[in-house]
Amino acid sequence: MKTRILLSALLGLSFALPLNASAEPASAEETTAFIGTWSIAWPDESGVIVNVPDATCDAPAMIEQVDEDTIHVATPGGDMGNWDVRSFDGRFPWWREDGQSLVSEWKSESAFLLAGKDHTGIMSDWDNAKQWTRCPAGETESE
């Protein structure tokens, strides 16, 4: 059984490697789009009954640009560190030096979904992705 699980994981990893290998650094314009203050909550979709936000515009998450393709992310829950932003097939993988990765996908000019990994550790978990919505200018405590 353990061998079967290991083989399944290796097979899944072999499909994931070409995706990671072909992801290009995001352009400065693509990286700059993430800069700002954000509220974080579940997307407004059917089936979401209680939606307690992780960040609000009164206590926002902050994304700052470190360099051309690196951002620094801090939320009311803590400092998420620096992330290298990549571009692949309309999505934007974020990678940290420690190997952790997330994937973002823009839903509009002012909102994107951010997904971690699913239980396999290989695929993005879009079912549990949080929506980051840009806070209007002048509506945050920090501005």
Protein backbone atom coordinates (compact mmCIF):
# COMPACT_ATOMS: atom_id res chain seq x y z
CA MET A 1 0.00 0.00 0.00
CA LYS A 2 2.81 2.41 0.90
CA THR A 3 4.49 1.64 -2.42
CA ARG A 4 1.29 2.44 -4.30
CA ILE A 5 0.94 5.79 -2.48
CA LEU A 6 4.60 6.63 -3.17
CA LEU A 7 4.23 5.76 -6.86
CA SER A 8 1.08 7.89 -7.10
CA ALA A 9 2.86 10.82 -5.49
CA LEU A 10 5.86 10.47 -7.83
CA LEU A 11 3.59 10.24 -10.85
CA GLY A 12 1.75 13.37 -9.75
CA LEU A 13 5.06 15.14 -9.15
CA SER A 14 6.25 14.26 -12.63
CA PHE A 15 3.22 16.06 -14.04
CA ALA A 16 3.78 19.06 -11.75
CA LEU A 17 7.45 19.57 -12.57
CA PRO A 18 6.98 20.73 -16.17
CA LEU A 19 4.47 23.32 -14.96
CA ASN A 20 6.92 24.70 -12.41
CA ALA A 21 9.81 24.56 -14.85
CA SER A 22 7.98 26.56 -17.51
CA ALA A 23 6.65 29.28 -15.22
CA GLU A 24 8.33 32.56 -16.09
CA PRO A 25 9.08 35.40 -13.69
CA ALA A 26 6.12 37.78 -13.69
CA SER A 27 6.63 41.08 -15.46
CA ALA A 28 7.03 44.20 -13.35
CA GLU A 29 3.50 45.21 -14.41
CA GLU A 30 2.05 41.84 -13.35
CA THR A 31 3.85 42.01 -9.99
CA THR A 32 2.82 45.63 -9.39
CA ALA A 33 -0.85 44.67 -9.79
CA PHE A 34 -0.66 42.88 -6.40
CA ILE A 35 0.69 45.92 -4.52
CA GLY A 36 -1.76 47.53 -2.08
CA THR A 37 -4.08 46.86 0.83
CA TRP A 38 -6.54 43.97 0.74
CA SER A 39 -9.47 42.42 2.54
CA ILE A 40 -9.43 38.60 2.62
CA ALA A 41 -12.53 36.39 2.83
CA TRP A 42 -14.22 33.45 1.16
CA PRO A 43 -15.53 34.33 -2.31
CA ASP A 44 -19.19 35.39 -2.33
CA GLU A 45 -20.63 32.19 -3.77
CA SER A 46 -23.64 30.02 -3.11
CA GLY A 47 -23.03 27.67 -0.21
CA VAL A 48 -20.99 30.17 1.83
CA ILE A 49 -23.16 30.76 4.87
CA VAL A 50 -20.76 32.35 7.36
CA ASN A 51 -18.00 34.48 5.90
CA VAL A 52 -15.79 35.86 8.65
CA PRO A 53 -12.99 37.76 6.90
CA ASP A 54 -9.31 37.11 7.65
CA ALA A 55 -8.61 40.79 6.89
CA THR A 56 -10.84 43.82 6.40
CA CYS A 57 -10.16 47.27 5.00
CA ASP A 58 -10.11 48.51 8.63
CA ALA A 59 -7.35 45.95 9.37
CA PRO A 60 -6.05 45.03 5.90
CA ALA A 61 -3.48 42.67 4.48
CA MET A 62 -0.63 44.59 2.88
CA ILE A 63 1.37 43.63 -0.20
CA GLU A 64 4.52 45.63 -0.94
CA GLN A 65 6.95 45.32 -3.81
CA VAL A 66 10.47 44.16 -2.91
CA ASP A 67 11.91 44.06 -6.43
CA GLU A 68 10.75 43.51 -10.00
CA ASP A 69 9.17 40.08 -9.36
CA THR A 70 9.15 39.78 -5.54
CA ILE A 71 6.45 40.91 -3.12
CA HIS A 72 6.26 41.04 0.67
CA VAL A 73 2.93 40.01 2.22
CA ALA A 74 1.71 40.78 5.75
CA THR A 75 -1.78 40.06 7.09
CA PRO A 76 -3.41 40.85 10.43
CA GLY A 77 -2.60 37.20 11.25
CA GLY A 78 1.13 37.66 10.70
CA ASP A 79 3.97 38.24 8.29
CA MET A 80 3.79 35.87 5.31
CA GLY A 81 7.28 36.87 4.09
CA ASN A 82 8.66 37.46 0.61
CA TRP A 83 7.26 35.68 -2.44
CA ASP A 84 8.64 35.47 -5.98
CA VAL A 85 5.74 35.97 -8.39
CA ARG A 86 5.73 33.87 -11.56
CA SER A 87 3.41 33.78 -14.53
CA PHE A 88 1.98 30.61 -16.02
CA ASP A 89 -1.05 30.06 -18.25
CA GLY A 90 -3.05 33.03 -16.91
CA ARG A 91 -2.28 32.27 -13.27
CA PHE A 92 0.42 33.60 -10.99
CA PRO A 93 2.29 31.10 -8.81
CA TRP A 94 3.97 32.59 -5.73
CA TRP A 95 7.10 30.84 -4.44
CA ARG A 96 9.02 31.39 -1.23
CA GLU A 97 12.67 30.49 -0.61
CA ASP A 98 11.59 27.74 1.81
CA GLY A 99 9.78 25.93 -1.03
CA GLN A 100 6.24 26.89 -0.02
CA SER A 101 4.02 27.88 -2.92
CA LEU A 102 0.62 29.44 -3.55
CA VAL A 103 -1.22 30.21 -6.79
CA SER A 104 -3.23 33.34 -7.55
CA GLU A 105 -5.80 33.95 -10.25
CA TRP A 106 -7.32 37.35 -11.00
CA LYS A 107 -11.14 37.46 -10.90
CA SER A 108 -11.35 41.18 -11.72
CA GLU A 109 -9.05 44.21 -11.69
CA SER A 110 -9.58 44.49 -7.94
CA ALA A 111 -9.90 40.87 -6.76
CA PHE A 112 -7.92 37.65 -7.00
CA LEU A 113 -8.16 34.16 -5.52
CA LEU A 114 -5.18 32.74 -3.63
CA ALA A 115 -4.95 28.97 -3.27
CA GLY A 116 -2.62 26.76 -1.27
CA LYS A 117 -1.97 23.07 -1.90
CA ASP A 118 -4.58 20.34 -1.51
CA HIS A 119 -4.16 17.23 0.65
CA THR A 120 -1.78 15.69 -1.90
CA GLY A 121 0.64 18.60 -1.60
CA ILE A 122 0.82 18.71 -5.40
CA MET A 123 -2.35 20.30 -6.74
CA SER A 124 -3.75 23.76 -5.96
CA ASP A 125 -6.75 23.70 -3.61
CA TRP A 126 -9.18 26.02 -5.44
CA ASP A 127 -12.10 24.76 -3.32
CA ASN A 128 -10.54 26.47 -0.29
CA ALA A 129 -9.05 29.51 -2.03
CA LYS A 130 -9.60 32.87 -0.34
CA GLN A 131 -10.54 35.98 -2.27
CA TRP A 132 -8.35 39.06 -1.83
CA THR A 133 -10.27 42.25 -2.64
CA ARG A 134 -8.49 45.57 -3.03
CA CYS A 135 -9.39 48.16 -0.41
CA PRO A 136 -10.54 51.48 -1.88
CA ALA A 137 -7.98 54.27 -1.51
CA GLY A 138 -8.47 56.28 1.66
CA GLU A 139 -10.52 53.60 3.45
CA THR A 140 -7.80 51.89 5.47
CA GLU A 141 -6.47 52.86 8.86
CA SER A 142 -2.89 52.78 7.54
CA GLU A 143 -3.51 55.39 4.84
